[in-house]
C-alpha atoms as a PDB file:
ATOM      1  CA  MET A   1       7.191   0.103  -9.048  1.00  0.00           C
ATOM      2  CA  ARG A   2       7.671   3.539 -10.639  1.00  0.00           C
ATOM      3  CA  LEU A   3       5.817   5.297  -7.832  1.00  0.00           C
ATOM      4  CA  LEU A   4       8.328   3.949  -5.317  1.00  0.00           C
ATOM      5  CA  GLY A   5      11.352   4.681  -7.521  1.00  0.00           C
ATOM      6  CA  TYR A   6      12.336   1.126  -8.444  1.00  0.00           C
ATOM      7  CA  PRO A   7      13.940   0.530 -11.856  1.00  0.00           C
ATOM      8  CA  ASP A   8      12.142  -2.769 -12.545  1.00  0.00           C
ATOM      9  CA  PRO A   9       9.693  -5.274 -10.993  1.00  0.00           C
ATOM     10  CA  VAL A  10      12.463  -7.650  -9.926  1.00  0.00           C
ATOM     11  CA  SER A  11      14.070  -4.959  -7.759  1.00  0.00           C
ATOM     12  CA  LEU A  12      10.761  -4.353  -6.011  1.00  0.00           C
ATOM     13  CA  GLU A  13      10.226  -8.063  -5.310  1.00  0.00           C
ATOM     14  CA  ASN A  14      13.302  -8.117  -3.087  1.00  0.00           C
ATOM     15  CA  ASP A  15      11.824  -5.698  -0.525  1.00  0.00           C
ATOM     16  CA  TYR A  16       9.138  -6.467   2.020  1.00  0.00           C
ATOM     17  CA  ALA A  17       6.107  -4.183   1.567  1.00  0.00           C
ATOM     18  CA  ALA A  18       5.859  -3.379   5.285  1.00  0.00           C
ATOM     19  CA  THR A  19       9.241  -1.633   5.117  1.00  0.00           C
ATOM     20  CA  PHE A  20       7.798   1.038   2.808  1.00  0.00           C
ATOM     21  CA  TYR A  21       5.530   2.513   5.498  1.00  0.00           C
ATOM     22  CA  VAL A  22       6.844   5.607   7.308  1.00  0.00           C
ATOM     23  CA  HIS A  23       4.688   4.737  10.327  1.00  0.00           C
ATOM     24  CA  ALA A  24       4.987   1.065  11.309  1.00  0.00           C
ATOM     25  CA  ASP A  25       1.526   1.057  12.928  1.00  0.00           C
ATOM     26  CA  HIS A  26      -0.022   1.914   9.541  1.00  0.00           C
ATOM     27  CA  THR A  27       1.211  -1.432   8.207  1.00  0.00           C
ATOM     28  CA  GLU A  28      -0.954  -3.372  10.654  1.00  0.00           C
ATOM     29  CA  ALA A  29      -3.871  -0.963  10.333  1.00  0.00           C
ATOM     30  CA  PHE A  30      -3.955  -1.397   6.577  1.00  0.00           C
ATOM     31  CA  LYS A  31      -3.574  -5.190   6.723  1.00  0.00           C
ATOM     32  CA  SER A  32      -6.339  -5.661   9.308  1.00  0.00           C
ATOM     33  CA  ARG A  33      -9.052  -3.584   7.591  1.00  0.00           C
ATOM     34  CA  PRO A  34      -9.470  -5.684   4.444  1.00  0.00           C
ATOM     35  CA  LEU A  35      -9.403  -8.880   6.495  1.00  0.00           C
ATOM     36  CA  GLU A  36     -12.227  -7.569   8.678  1.00  0.00           C
ATOM     37  CA  PHE A  37     -14.324  -5.789   6.051  1.00  0.00           C
ATOM     38  CA  SER A  38     -13.078  -7.422   2.769  1.00  0.00           C
ATOM     39  CA  ILE A  39     -12.336  -3.936   1.409  1.00  0.00           C
ATOM     40  CA  VAL A  40     -10.566  -0.765   2.424  1.00  0.00           C
ATOM     41  CA  ARG A  41     -11.104   2.519   0.597  1.00  0.00           C
ATOM     42  CA  GLY A  42      -9.079   5.698   0.758  1.00  0.00           C
ATOM     43  CA  PHE A  43      -6.493   4.568   3.324  1.00  0.00           C
ATOM     44  CA  GLU A  44      -3.951   7.398   3.416  1.00  0.00           C
ATOM     45  CA  THR A  45      -0.400   7.051   4.655  1.00  0.00           C
ATOM     46  CA  ARG A  46       3.164   7.897   3.730  1.00  0.00           C
ATOM     47  CA  LEU A  47       5.637   5.534   2.074  1.00  0.00           C
ATOM     48  CA  LEU A  48       9.394   5.685   1.635  1.00  0.00           C
ATOM     49  CA  THR A  49      10.696   5.492  -1.904  1.00  0.00           C
ATOM     50  CA  GLU A  50      13.773   3.526  -2.975  1.00  0.00           C
ATOM     51  CA  ASP A  51      15.942   6.640  -2.989  1.00  0.00           C
ATOM     52  CA  GLY A  52      14.619   7.980   0.332  1.00  0.00           C
ATOM     53  CA  PRO A  53      11.960  10.690  -0.072  1.00  0.00           C
ATOM     54  CA  GLU A  54       8.486  10.131   1.308  1.00  0.00           C
ATOM     55  CA  ILE A  55       5.338  10.152  -0.778  1.00  0.00           C
ATOM     56  CA  ARG A  56       1.788  10.416   0.474  1.00  0.00           C
ATOM     57  CA  ILE A  57      -0.517   7.761  -0.969  1.00  0.00           C
ATOM     58  CA  ARG A  58      -4.168   6.751  -0.927  1.00  0.00           C
ATOM     59  CA  ASN A  59      -4.685   2.995  -1.039  1.00  0.00           C
ATOM     60  CA  THR A  60      -7.832   1.094  -1.930  1.00  0.00           C
ATOM     61  CA  ALA A  61      -7.744  -2.698  -1.733  1.00  0.00           C
ATOM     62  CA  ARG A  62     -10.070  -5.669  -1.781  1.00  0.00           C
ATOM     63  CA  ILE A  63      -9.678  -9.217  -0.484  1.00  0.00           C
ATOM     64  CA  HIS A  64     -10.743 -12.105  -2.697  1.00  0.00           C
ATOM     65  CA  ARG A  65     -11.702 -15.315  -0.931  1.00  0.00           C
ATOM     66  CA  ASP A  66     -12.106 -18.877  -2.118  1.00  0.00           C
ATOM     67  CA  ILE A  67     -15.285 -20.912  -1.658  1.00  0.00           C
ATOM     68  CA  ALA A  68     -14.167 -21.920   1.859  1.00  0.00           C
ATOM     69  CA  GLY A  69     -13.694 -18.282   2.874  1.00  0.00           C
ATOM     70  CA  ASN A  70      -9.896 -18.347   2.855  1.00  0.00           C
ATOM     71  CA  VAL A  71      -8.027 -15.381   1.430  1.00  0.00           C
ATOM     72  CA  SER A  72      -6.914 -16.144  -2.122  1.00  0.00           C
ATOM     73  CA  TYR A  73      -5.360 -12.791  -2.941  1.00  0.00           C
ATOM     74  CA  MET A  74      -5.639  -9.050  -2.496  1.00  0.00           C
ATOM     75  CA  GLU A  75      -5.934  -6.555  -5.314  1.00  0.00           C
ATOM     76  CA  GLY A  76      -5.685  -2.832  -5.033  1.00  0.00           C
ATOM     77  CA  ILE A  77      -4.601   0.496  -6.344  1.00  0.00           C
ATOM     78  CA  ILE A  78      -2.231   3.044  -4.888  1.00  0.00           C
ATOM     79  CA  GLU A  79      -2.663   6.694  -5.812  1.00  0.00           C
ATOM     80  CA  ASP A  80       0.050   9.298  -5.217  1.00  0.00           C
ATOM     81  CA  VAL A  81      -1.670  12.214  -3.457  1.00  0.00           C
ATOM     82  CA  SER A  82       1.534  14.045  -2.470  1.00  0.00           C
ATOM     83  CA  ARG A  83       0.757  17.083  -4.619  1.00  0.00           C
ATOM     84  CA  SER A  84      -2.671  17.612  -3.093  1.00  0.00           C
ATOM     85  CA  TRP A  85      -1.066  17.651   0.377  1.00  0.00           C
ATOM     86  CA  GLN A  86       1.673  20.076  -0.693  1.00  0.00           C
ATOM     87  CA  SER A  87      -0.843  22.608  -1.929  1.00  0.00           C
ATOM     88  CA  ALA A  88      -3.071  22.333   1.154  1.00  0.00           C
END
């Protein structure tokens, strides 16, 4: 929520996550990897913040499945790596 510049969780709930990606093809690439491999590590892309600027992030996520193999939920962490790209 804070990383993307939203004032509160409710404000963030009103936006569709796919709209945050600067490159639309990264949305599908990120969604397909955990479904295929159950985990994705170090997926880097750029996201748009609520007030417009882009940030560069590294995303790691894992799919959790029920006993039948259906996706129950996905958990993950997003790390802002913008500074490391600015200094490179």
